[in-house]
Amino acid sequence: MDKSEEKREYTCIECGGSVKNLYKKYSETVLKLTRCDACNKIADKYVEYDPVIIIIDLILLRVMAYRHFLLNTEIKNFWKLSIILLLLETYLNWTLVTKGTLLKQEMNDTKPDLTESDVSLDDFKFYKLFLTTTINTFCFVLTIYLCTVFYTLFGNRKRISFVTAGKTVTLSSTGLFLFLPSLIWDLSVHDFHLHFVSLYTTLSQLVAYKGNTYFMWLRKTMDVIRDLFVDFMQDLSRRLSKYLSVIEEIIPTYFEINHFIFSKEKDAAQRALTSDMGHGPQNIKKSTKETSNFKETVGNMSQVRFRKHYQRRAKLTEAEVATIQDCKDVALFTCNASLLSPEFIKYFHTKAMDDFLRALVVYFQYYFQIWNKMQVRRKEAARKLRQPIVTELENVVRDNLSDLRSMVSRNFAIMLLGYGDAKPYHHMANKNKESLSDKDRRLFETLMILTTRVIWIALFRKYLTLIEKEMNRLLRTNIFSPYEHKVIKTTTFDALPEEERVLVGKAYSNERKLLHRSPVTQELILDSHDYKIFAIGVTGTEQSDPRQAYLEAAYTAPEDMLEELGVPVGVLGVPRKYLDAMLKPKEVVSTRRRQSTMKPIQEFVLPPKVPYEEMKITETLPKQPVKYEETASTAESRKKQCKKWRKYVERGGITISSSQQARDKSVSLTPPSYTTLQNSATPINSRAGAEGNTESQNQQDS
């Protein structure tokens, strides 16, 4: 920068704060934009923009573009633009006067005389109109300047110059150029065009005054109007919610909450019972939450009960880290017990299921990374021209997502075809070889709900709606997705066409409804992937490819080795000392802030693809042992947890201690008599009632 430019003060186009400079110049081709100290944003991003884009933003009435021109740019030829606009406005007024004269002559049936004196008289009228227009514009600028000076005297603000006010009026009056088409070609639509251009010029002047940081009165007025409107809408929504609650109490109907349908008449009896107990309206809200699929909150006593009876026990020789089994335990504990069945618990505790869940966690972890980057880039991409290299970079990300999606497809196909320990749960795994469609449907619906919750827990409880949307798209298609058919659906997670191309992949295609295959099936059939990816966990491959080694560690490595290998897979591999019983990061609360004791999770970065030579590709994979195998302790803990959760489901979600179980066994071994049955019935019922009251009290406390 020159010395004259360094002494000048610039303005941030985002917040209007003062900035010493707009950029630092390190060389002829390297510039670093300055950030504003007040808003921590780039002070003036238009420095590196093309002038055509800036002019387009001016036409679209962007406030930041006006601030860039008025406060951060020195244009020496502004007086030329002012003269051109004055001449254009004068010619417009002269055309209107001439048109009116011609109309009067036509009404009087007189022919116009085109003598030299008349032509000179028209020239004199033009010069007179030019002088009148100049005086009017000068008075208008002077009025604006005096009002601003009057405001700065009482507002204790820096006074602007008369030149700045003139530049503001000149730049905001460029909409007069829109009169040119009407003046040149057709004067019949001049009246309508006149009103349109006048309205546009008025709006551009208001935006220019708002863009100039010295015209604070206009910005404050707009902020006050906005605050009043927000307060009015909040009060209106509060009143409407009260009226709706009264209507729900009057009209007996059926409501559906999270796929569980309950009757208003049955709920009225429950409210009457709770009102007799003296809990009041707070317990009414909790009774509706208990009918949902999962508990919203888990109290301290419930967490203690979970640690004592259902949490996985790690051996002394094993590292205490979070595993996929821990995520399943938390999901089952918070799930409504009436939704589960002993058969599903056995199905949920198979190796095929663990591989499927881990593939989903890896896929959604990378999916969220791409989604967050797209949201950050969305605003900038809407304002900049799209370059060809952007498509190439997006294709790389699209192929990475497709590879991860193919692993989900492979593991889901293993479960569908009934390979390995998933064979007993195939829909035709029966003596008569008949398709048990109802049984298969119940397993699938429960699997969809539990799988979504496990992924949400494994990825630190983020983007539950996005997980639900993508899971339904992958396994059901958008045609049969419950998310796409919601009456009230948020548009927060709707992707743009360019983003949809990356997130969906090139294998997805819209087919007929009756013949539509799910995207996981299309990924295997219609797309071409690296043949070595599908060998992960099945047979060993050469480790010269870093991408193959990275994916093999992400999908098959034990959880206690993930941190050492530097492969992040959500909460898997994180030491338990940093997590509570519900796998939430522990927080240290101080007087200043609340922070987590856990180290931040790294990004899932896939190494680039390495092209293969055609001579090295073989028809069959070599039979080599896999690098990472499931440990015996993992399989043993899966069996133990399966037994625990089966008993939990068989009891209807009621926890019974080990001493109570031993007492029940001893009672069942001895021949029962009438007196023993009569004496033992009361304590058991009282204990069950006490435990039920304790559970409800814990939920109320939480």
Foldseek 3Di string as FASTA:
>chain_A
DDPVLQPDWFAQLPPGDIDRDQWDDPDPPDIGGDADPPPRHGRQPCVPPDVVLLVVVLLVLPLSSLSCPLGVDDDPCLVVLVLVLLLLVLVVVLVVVVVVVVVVCVVVVHDDDDDPVVVVVSVVSSVVSSVVSVVVLVVVLVVVLVVLVVVCVVVVDDRDDSVSSVSLLSSLLPLSVQCVVCVPPHVPCVVVSVVVSVVSSVSSSLSSLVSPPSNVVSVVVVVVVVVVVVVVVVVVVVVVVVVVVVVPVVDWDWDDDQNFIDTPVVLVVVVVVVVVVPPPPVVSVVVVQLRHFFHPDFFPVRLVVCVVFFAFDDDPPDFFADALVLLLSLLLLGGQLVLDALVLLLVCLDPLNRLLLLLVLVLVQLVVVVVVVCVVCVVVPVSDDDDPVVVVVLVQLLQVSLLSLLSNLLSVVCLAVLPDPSVCVHQQNDDVSDGNVVSNVSSVVSCLVSSLSSSCLLQQNPDSVVSLVVSCQQQPNLVPRPQNVDPDHDCPPPDDPVVCPRNLHPQDDDDDPVPDDGSSVSSVVRDDDDPVSSCQPPAADDPPWVLSVLSSCSRFAQQCCCVVVLADRGRRNWRCVQAGSSRHGDWDDDPPGIGGPGDDRDGHDGDGDDDDDPVPDDPDGDHHHHPGDDDPVSSVSSVVSSVSSNVCSVVSNDDDDPVRVVVVVVQVVDDDDPVVCVVVVVVVVVVSVVVVVVSVVSSVVD
